[in-house]
Amino acid sequence: MHKISEEEVIEKIFLKGHAIKEFVSPLDIANLVRYLCTNEAKMITGQSLVIDGGWSVH
């Protein structure tokens, strides 16, 4: 309809104002979950952790 490629939509629309210019991957989510399951994260309680690569700051 708009004659724009998928790559252009991602680059020029979805990621235009994004700080890091890439989507959060399932591995990024898994790494956070893995960390939260460690003893080092035992004092993190009742928090909302934003894992969006800076999306919410623009």
PDB file of N, CA and C in Angstrom:
ATOM      1  N   MET A   1       0.806  -1.186   0.000  1.00  0.00           N
ATOM      2  CA  MET A   1       0.000   0.000   0.000  1.00  0.00           C
ATOM      3  C   MET A   1       0.855   1.259   0.000  1.00  0.00           C
ATOM      4  N   HIS A   2       1.860   1.319   0.883  1.00  0.00           N
ATOM      5  CA  HIS A   2       2.714   2.501   0.958  1.00  0.00           C
ATOM      6  C   HIS A   2       4.033   2.313   0.211  1.00  0.00           C
ATOM      7  N   LYS A   3       4.221   1.134  -0.360  1.00  0.00           N
ATOM      8  CA  LYS A   3       5.442   0.841  -1.122  1.00  0.00           C
ATOM      9  C   LYS A   3       6.719   1.072  -0.299  1.00  0.00           C
ATOM     10  N   ILE A   4       6.711   0.577   0.911  1.00  0.00           N
ATOM     11  CA  ILE A   4       7.880   0.689   1.788  1.00  0.00           C
ATOM     12  C   ILE A   4       8.222  -0.715   2.289  1.00  0.00           C
ATOM     13  N   SER A   5       9.492  -1.026   2.293  1.00  0.00           N
ATOM     14  CA  SER A   5       9.914  -2.370   2.689  1.00  0.00           C
ATOM     15  C   SER A   5       9.793  -2.560   4.199  1.00  0.00           C
ATOM     16  N   GLU A   6       9.797  -3.818   4.591  1.00  0.00           N
ATOM     17  CA  GLU A   6       9.752  -4.147   6.018  1.00  0.00           C
ATOM     18  C   GLU A   6      10.942  -3.541   6.752  1.00  0.00           C
ATOM     19  N   GLU A   7      12.115  -3.601   6.139  1.00  0.00           N
ATOM     20  CA  GLU A   7      13.315  -3.041   6.751  1.00  0.00           C
ATOM     21  C   GLU A   7      13.178  -1.536   6.957  1.00  0.00           C
ATOM     22  N   GLU A   8      12.589  -0.843   5.972  1.00  0.00           N
ATOM     23  CA  GLU A   8      12.391   0.602   6.100  1.00  0.00           C
ATOM     24  C   GLU A   8      11.381   0.939   7.193  1.00  0.00           C
ATOM     25  N   VAL A   9      10.335   0.139   7.318  1.00  0.00           N
ATOM     26  CA  VAL A   9       9.350   0.360   8.375  1.00  0.00           C
ATOM     27  C   VAL A   9      10.018   0.221   9.737  1.00  0.00           C
ATOM     28  N   ILE A  10      10.819  -0.814   9.891  1.00  0.00           N
ATOM     29  CA  ILE A  10      11.517  -1.034  11.159  1.00  0.00           C
ATOM     30  C   ILE A  10      12.452   0.126  11.457  1.00  0.00           C
ATOM     31  N   GLU A  11      13.274   0.501  10.478  1.00  0.00           N
ATOM     32  CA  GLU A  11      14.271   1.551  10.681  1.00  0.00           C
ATOM     33  C   GLU A  11      13.654   2.945  10.816  1.00  0.00           C
ATOM     34  N   LYS A  12      12.732   3.281   9.921  1.00  0.00           N
ATOM     35  CA  LYS A  12      12.231   4.655   9.848  1.00  0.00           C
ATOM     36  C   LYS A  12      11.005   4.933  10.714  1.00  0.00           C
ATOM     37  N   ILE A  13      10.326   3.871  11.167  1.00  0.00           N
ATOM     38  CA  ILE A  13       9.125   4.083  11.975  1.00  0.00           C
ATOM     39  C   ILE A  13       9.299   3.489  13.368  1.00  0.00           C
ATOM     40  N   PHE A  14       9.497   2.178  13.455  1.00  0.00           N
ATOM     41  CA  PHE A  14       9.573   1.524  14.759  1.00  0.00           C
ATOM     42  C   PHE A  14      10.768   1.992  15.588  1.00  0.00           C
ATOM     43  N   LEU A  15      11.945   2.075  14.966  1.00  0.00           N
ATOM     44  CA  LEU A  15      13.162   2.363  15.725  1.00  0.00           C
ATOM     45  C   LEU A  15      13.649   3.799  15.575  1.00  0.00           C
ATOM     46  N   LYS A  16      12.895   4.650  14.929  1.00  0.00           N
ATOM     47  CA  LYS A  16      13.322   6.021  14.658  1.00  0.00           C
ATOM     48  C   LYS A  16      13.768   6.757  15.911  1.00  0.00           C
ATOM     49  N   GLY A  17      12.960   6.774  16.931  1.00  0.00           N
ATOM     50  CA  GLY A  17      13.306   7.495  18.148  1.00  0.00           C
ATOM     51  C   GLY A  17      13.899   6.629  19.237  1.00  0.00           C
ATOM     52  N   HIS A  18      14.254   5.428  18.895  1.00  0.00           N
ATOM     53  CA  HIS A  18      14.755   4.457  19.867  1.00  0.00           C
ATOM     54  C   HIS A  18      16.236   4.692  20.129  1.00  0.00           C
ATOM     55  N   ALA A  19      16.624   4.705  21.387  1.00  0.00           N
ATOM     56  CA  ALA A  19      18.002   5.006  21.774  1.00  0.00           C
ATOM     57  C   ALA A  19      19.021   4.004  21.225  1.00  0.00           C
ATOM     58  N   ILE A  20      18.707   2.731  21.261  1.00  0.00           N
ATOM     59  CA  ILE A  20      19.682   1.701  20.893  1.00  0.00           C
ATOM     60  C   ILE A  20      19.506   1.205  19.457  1.00  0.00           C
ATOM     61  N   LYS A  21      18.369   1.460  18.853  1.00  0.00           N
ATOM     62  CA  LYS A  21      18.078   1.087  17.464  1.00  0.00           C
ATOM     63  C   LYS A  21      18.010  -0.412  17.223  1.00  0.00           C
ATOM     64  N   GLU A  22      17.544  -1.156  18.212  1.00  0.00           N
ATOM     65  CA  GLU A  22      17.288  -2.582  18.022  1.00  0.00           C
ATOM     66  C   GLU A  22      16.203  -3.025  18.998  1.00  0.00           C
ATOM     67  N   PHE A  23      15.523  -4.095  18.643  1.00  0.00           N
ATOM     68  CA  PHE A  23      14.472  -4.631  19.500  1.00  0.00           C
ATOM     69  C   PHE A  23      15.075  -5.447  20.629  1.00  0.00           C
ATOM     70  N   VAL A  24      14.354  -5.530  21.729  1.00  0.00           N
ATOM     71  CA  VAL A  24      14.749  -6.396  22.838  1.00  0.00           C
ATOM     72  C   VAL A  24      14.527  -7.830  22.386  1.00  0.00           C
ATOM     73  N   SER A  25      15.531  -8.658  22.586  1.00  0.00           N
ATOM     74  CA  SER A  25      15.442 -10.049  22.136  1.00  0.00           C
ATOM     75  C   SER A  25      14.964 -10.950  23.269  1.00  0.00           C
ATOM     76  N   PRO A  26      14.472 -12.124  22.924  1.00  0.00           N
ATOM     77  CA  PRO A  26      14.122 -13.106  23.966  1.00  0.00           C
ATOM     78  C   PRO A  26      15.322 -13.434  24.856  1.00  0.00           C
ATOM     79  N   LEU A  27      16.520 -13.407  24.290  1.00  0.00           N
ATOM     80  CA  LEU A  27      17.721 -13.668  25.082  1.00  0.00           C
ATOM     81  C   LEU A  27      17.940 -12.560  26.113  1.00  0.00           C
ATOM     82  N   ASP A  28      17.649 -11.313  25.748  1.00  0.00           N
ATOM     83  CA  ASP A  28      17.755 -10.215  26.710  1.00  0.00           C
ATOM     84  C   ASP A  28      16.835 -10.447  27.898  1.00  0.00           C
ATOM     85  N   ILE A  29      15.615 -10.875  27.625  1.00  0.00           N
ATOM     86  CA  ILE A  29      14.648 -11.171  28.683  1.00  0.00           C
ATOM     87  C   ILE A  29      15.145 -12.340  29.536  1.00  0.00           C
ATOM     88  N   ALA A  30      15.611 -13.381  28.869  1.00  0.00           N
ATOM     89  CA  ALA A  30      16.106 -14.566  29.582  1.00  0.00           C
ATOM     90  C   ALA A  30      17.289 -14.220  30.474  1.00  0.00           C
ATOM     91  N   ASN A  31      18.179 -13.343  30.002  1.00  0.00           N
ATOM     92  CA  ASN A  31      19.335 -12.953  30.815  1.00  0.00           C
ATOM     93  C   ASN A  31      18.906 -12.207  32.075  1.00  0.00           C
ATOM     94  N   LEU A  32      17.894 -11.356  31.959  1.00  0.00           N
ATOM     95  CA  LEU A  32      17.389 -10.671  33.142  1.00  0.00           C
ATOM     96  C   LEU A  32      16.770 -11.666  34.116  1.00  0.00           C
ATOM     97  N   VAL A  33      15.967 -12.573  33.606  1.00  0.00           N
ATOM     98  CA  VAL A  33      15.339 -13.586  34.463  1.00  0.00           C
ATOM     99  C   VAL A  33      16.407 -14.433  35.146  1.00  0.00           C
ATOM    100  N   ARG A  34      17.423 -14.823  34.385  1.00  0.00           N
ATOM    101  CA  ARG A  34      18.511 -15.626  34.969  1.00  0.00           C
ATOM    102  C   ARG A  34      19.196 -14.871  36.103  1.00  0.00           C
ATOM    103  N   TYR A  35      19.458 -13.579  35.887  1.00  0.00           N
ATOM    104  CA  TYR A  35      20.078 -12.774  36.938  1.00  0.00           C
ATOM    105  C   TYR A  35      19.176 -12.694  38.175  1.00  0.00           C
ATOM    106  N   LEU A  36      17.895 -12.465  37.957  1.00  0.00           N
ATOM    107  CA  LEU A  36      16.972 -12.343  39.083  1.00  0.00           C
ATOM    108  C   LEU A  36      16.863 -13.627  39.893  1.00  0.00           C
ATOM    109  N   CYS A  37      17.232 -14.737  39.294  1.00  0.00           N
ATOM    110  CA  CYS A  37      17.196 -16.019  39.988  1.00  0.00           C
ATOM    111  C   CYS A  37      18.479 -16.310  40.761  1.00  0.00           C
ATOM    112  N   THR A  38      19.440 -15.393  40.691  1.00  0.00           N
ATOM    113  CA  THR A  38      20.700 -15.612  41.400  1.00  0.00           C
ATOM    114  C   THR A  38      20.651 -15.019  42.799  1.00  0.00           C
ATOM    115  N   ASN A  39      21.586 -15.427  43.620  1.00  0.00           N
ATOM    116  CA  ASN A  39      21.706 -14.903  44.969  1.00  0.00           C
ATOM    117  C   ASN A  39      22.069 -13.416  44.968  1.00  0.00           C
ATOM    118  N   GLU A  40      22.765 -12.961  43.939  1.00  0.00           N
ATOM    119  CA  GLU A  40      23.151 -11.551  43.846  1.00  0.00           C
ATOM    120  C   GLU A  40      21.940 -10.628  43.751  1.00  0.00           C
ATOM    121  N   ALA A  41      20.819 -11.133  43.298  1.00  0.00           N
ATOM    122  CA  ALA A  41      19.617 -10.321  43.135  1.00  0.00           C
ATOM    123  C   ALA A  41      18.625 -10.514  44.283  1.00  0.00           C
ATOM    124  N   LYS A  42      19.053 -11.143  45.359  1.00  0.00           N
ATOM    125  CA  LYS A  42      18.123 -11.490  46.437  1.00  0.00           C
ATOM    126  C   LYS A  42      17.480 -10.284  47.108  1.00  0.00           C
ATOM    127  N   MET A  43      18.086  -9.113  47.030  1.00  0.00           N
ATOM    128  CA  MET A  43      17.527  -7.929  47.674  1.00  0.00           C
ATOM    129  C   MET A  43      16.620  -7.125  46.744  1.00  0.00           C
ATOM    130  N   ILE A  44      16.451  -7.572  45.522  1.00  0.00           N
ATOM    131  CA  ILE A  44      15.526  -6.915  44.592  1.00  0.00           C
ATOM    132  C   ILE A  44      14.146  -7.494  44.846  1.00  0.00           C
ATOM    133  N   THR A  45      13.271  -6.671  45.388  1.00  0.00           N
ATOM    134  CA  THR A  45      11.917  -7.123  45.703  1.00  0.00           C
ATOM    135  C   THR A  45      10.908  -6.058  45.299  1.00  0.00           C
ATOM    136  N   GLY A  46       9.755  -6.478  44.848  1.00  0.00           N
ATOM    137  CA  GLY A  46       8.663  -5.578  44.556  1.00  0.00           C
ATOM    138  C   GLY A  46       8.973  -4.491  43.546  1.00  0.00           C
ATOM    139  N   GLN A  47       9.729  -4.788  42.536  1.00  0.00           N
ATOM    140  CA  GLN A  47      10.138  -3.793  41.554  1.00  0.00           C
ATOM    141  C   GLN A  47       9.529  -4.072  40.184  1.00  0.00           C
ATOM    142  N   SER A  48       9.347  -3.017  39.443  1.00  0.00           N
ATOM    143  CA  SER A  48       9.018  -3.137  38.018  1.00  0.00           C
ATOM    144  C   SER A  48      10.300  -2.821  37.261  1.00  0.00           C
ATOM    145  N   LEU A  49      10.822  -3.782  36.568  1.00  0.00           N
ATOM    146  CA  LEU A  49      12.055  -3.583  35.808  1.00  0.00           C
ATOM    147  C   LEU A  49      11.704  -3.399  34.328  1.00  0.00           C
ATOM    148  N   VAL A  50      12.091  -2.275  33.799  1.00  0.00           N
ATOM    149  CA  VAL A  50      11.827  -1.988  32.398  1.00  0.00           C
ATOM    150  C   VAL A  50      13.003  -2.502  31.582  1.00  0.00           C
ATOM    151  N   ILE A  51      12.713  -3.388  30.658  1.00  0.00           N
ATOM    152  CA  ILE A  51      13.745  -3.907  29.768  1.00  0.00           C
ATOM    153  C   ILE A  51      13.278  -3.617  28.343  1.00  0.00           C
ATOM    154  N   ASP A  52      13.578  -2.384  27.930  1.00  0.00           N
ATOM    155  CA  ASP A  52      13.095  -1.929  26.624  1.00  0.00           C
ATOM    156  C   ASP A  52      14.164  -1.222  25.804  1.00  0.00           C
ATOM    157  N   GLY A  53      15.401  -1.298  26.236  1.00  0.00           N
ATOM    158  CA  GLY A  53      16.492  -0.708  25.471  1.00  0.00           C
ATOM    159  C   GLY A  53      16.395   0.802  25.327  1.00  0.00           C
ATOM    160  N   GLY A  54      15.719   1.455  26.227  1.00  0.00           N
ATOM    161  CA  GLY A  54      15.592   2.894  26.169  1.00  0.00           C
ATOM    162  C   GLY A  54      14.341   3.412  25.483  1.00  0.00           C
ATOM    163  N   TRP A  55      13.477   2.496  25.041  1.00  0.00           N
ATOM    164  CA  TRP A  55      12.266   2.890  24.318  1.00  0.00           C
ATOM    165  C   TRP A  55      11.420   3.883  25.118  1.00  0.00           C
ATOM    166  N   SER A  56      11.280   3.655  26.413  1.00  0.00           N
ATOM    167  CA  SER A  56      10.385   4.477  27.216  1.00  0.00           C
ATOM    168  C   SER A  56      10.943   5.854  27.560  1.00  0.00           C
ATOM    169  N   VAL A  57      12.177   6.126  27.249  1.00  0.00           N
ATOM    170  CA  VAL A  57      12.757   7.431  27.582  1.00  0.00           C
ATOM    171  C   VAL A  57      12.594   8.474  26.492  1.00  0.00           C
ATOM    172  N   HIS A  58      12.088   8.095  25.337  1.00  0.00           N
ATOM    173  CA  HIS A  58      11.937   9.110  24.275  1.00  0.00           C
ATOM    174  C   HIS A  58      10.553   9.677  24.228  1.00  0.00           C
TER     175      HIS A  58
END
